[in-house]
Amino acid sequence: MVIETTSQNAAPGRRKRKKDFYDGVKEIEERYAIGKPIRDKVPRESHGLWEPPSDRKDPVDILIESNEGRIPQLVPIRHGRQDLKRE
């Protein structure tokens, strides 16, 4: 997989670059072999056991706080763009 940044999706001041995420690991068997020892240490079943820290801020509160200083009429549009259910 090669990703190329262009002027449309690159951050300002960044130059074009290419990166191959599978560089040096070409065959699927090799990728499975690399992942196997990692899965032995951290099994997939354990991924669902994560608990957020007790002092973690509520994500909705963070979103509401981020609206400070914004034009009030545009806030609903911003929230609409962040909605996962939109099509």
Protein backbone atom coordinates (compact mmCIF):
# COMPACT_ATOMS: atom_id res chain seq x y z
CA MET A 1 0.00 0.00 0.00
CA VAL A 2 1.51 3.31 -1.05
CA ILE A 3 0.21 6.58 0.29
CA GLU A 4 1.13 9.77 -1.48
CA THR A 5 0.41 13.12 0.08
CA THR A 6 -0.54 15.89 -2.28
CA SER A 7 -1.21 19.57 -1.88
CA GLN A 8 -4.86 18.69 -1.21
CA ASN A 9 -4.27 16.41 1.78
CA ALA A 10 -0.84 17.49 3.04
CA ALA A 11 -0.43 19.81 5.99
CA PRO A 12 0.74 23.32 5.11
CA GLY A 13 4.50 23.45 4.69
CA ARG A 14 4.81 19.70 4.17
CA ARG A 15 6.34 18.30 1.03
CA LYS A 16 5.15 15.35 -1.03
CA ARG A 17 6.31 11.95 0.13
CA LYS A 18 5.58 8.30 -0.46
CA LYS A 19 5.52 5.60 2.17
CA ASP A 20 5.08 1.91 1.63
CA PHE A 21 3.60 0.40 4.79
CA TYR A 22 4.46 -3.13 3.68
CA ASP A 23 8.04 -2.36 2.73
CA GLY A 24 10.11 -5.47 3.39
CA VAL A 25 7.08 -7.60 4.32
CA LYS A 26 5.62 -8.74 1.03
CA GLU A 27 3.90 -12.07 1.63
CA ILE A 28 0.80 -12.51 3.76
CA GLU A 29 2.42 -15.50 5.46
CA GLU A 30 5.21 -13.20 6.66
CA ARG A 31 2.69 -10.72 8.05
CA TYR A 32 0.88 -13.51 9.92
CA ALA A 33 4.21 -14.76 11.29
CA ILE A 34 5.02 -11.26 12.58
CA GLY A 35 1.58 -10.87 14.18
CA LYS A 36 1.44 -14.28 15.87
CA PRO A 37 3.90 -13.56 18.73
CA ILE A 38 2.20 -10.23 19.31
CA ARG A 39 -1.21 -11.94 19.57
CA ASP A 40 0.30 -14.39 22.07
CA LYS A 41 1.26 -11.43 24.28
CA VAL A 42 -1.94 -9.44 23.72
CA PRO A 43 -4.77 -11.71 22.58
CA ARG A 44 -7.58 -10.20 20.55
CA GLU A 45 -10.08 -11.06 23.30
CA SER A 46 -8.28 -8.70 25.68
CA HIS A 47 -8.93 -5.68 23.45
CA GLY A 48 -12.51 -5.44 24.71
CA LEU A 49 -11.43 -5.38 28.36
CA TRP A 50 -10.12 -1.81 28.33
CA GLU A 51 -11.62 0.48 30.94
CA PRO A 52 -11.22 4.24 30.72
CA PRO A 53 -9.44 5.91 33.65
CA SER A 54 -11.80 7.12 36.37
CA ASP A 55 -10.62 10.72 35.94
CA ARG A 56 -11.21 10.70 32.16
CA LYS A 57 -13.34 13.57 30.87
CA ASP A 58 -16.64 12.76 29.23
CA PRO A 59 -16.17 13.01 25.43
CA VAL A 60 -19.40 14.99 25.07
CA ASP A 61 -18.13 17.54 27.61
CA ILE A 62 -14.91 17.86 25.62
CA LEU A 63 -16.93 18.51 22.47
CA ILE A 64 -19.06 21.14 24.21
CA GLU A 65 -15.96 22.86 25.61
CA SER A 66 -14.42 22.94 22.13
CA ASN A 67 -17.34 25.08 20.94
CA GLU A 68 -16.22 28.05 23.02
CA GLY A 69 -15.37 31.01 20.80
CA ARG A 70 -17.11 29.53 17.75
CA ILE A 71 -19.92 31.21 15.85
CA PRO A 72 -23.03 29.76 17.55
CA GLN A 73 -24.96 29.36 14.29
CA LEU A 74 -22.19 27.15 12.86
CA VAL A 75 -21.86 24.78 15.83
CA PRO A 76 -24.73 22.49 14.67
CA ILE A 77 -23.08 22.19 11.25
CA ARG A 78 -19.81 21.22 12.94
CA HIS A 79 -21.57 18.59 15.03
CA GLY A 80 -23.31 17.26 11.93
CA ARG A 81 -19.95 16.75 10.25
CA GLN A 82 -18.77 14.72 13.23
CA ASP A 83 -21.85 12.50 13.36
CA LEU A 84 -21.06 8.86 12.59
CA LYS A 85 -24.61 8.15 11.46
CA ARG A 86 -24.64 10.61 8.60
CA GLU A 87 -24.46 9.29 5.06
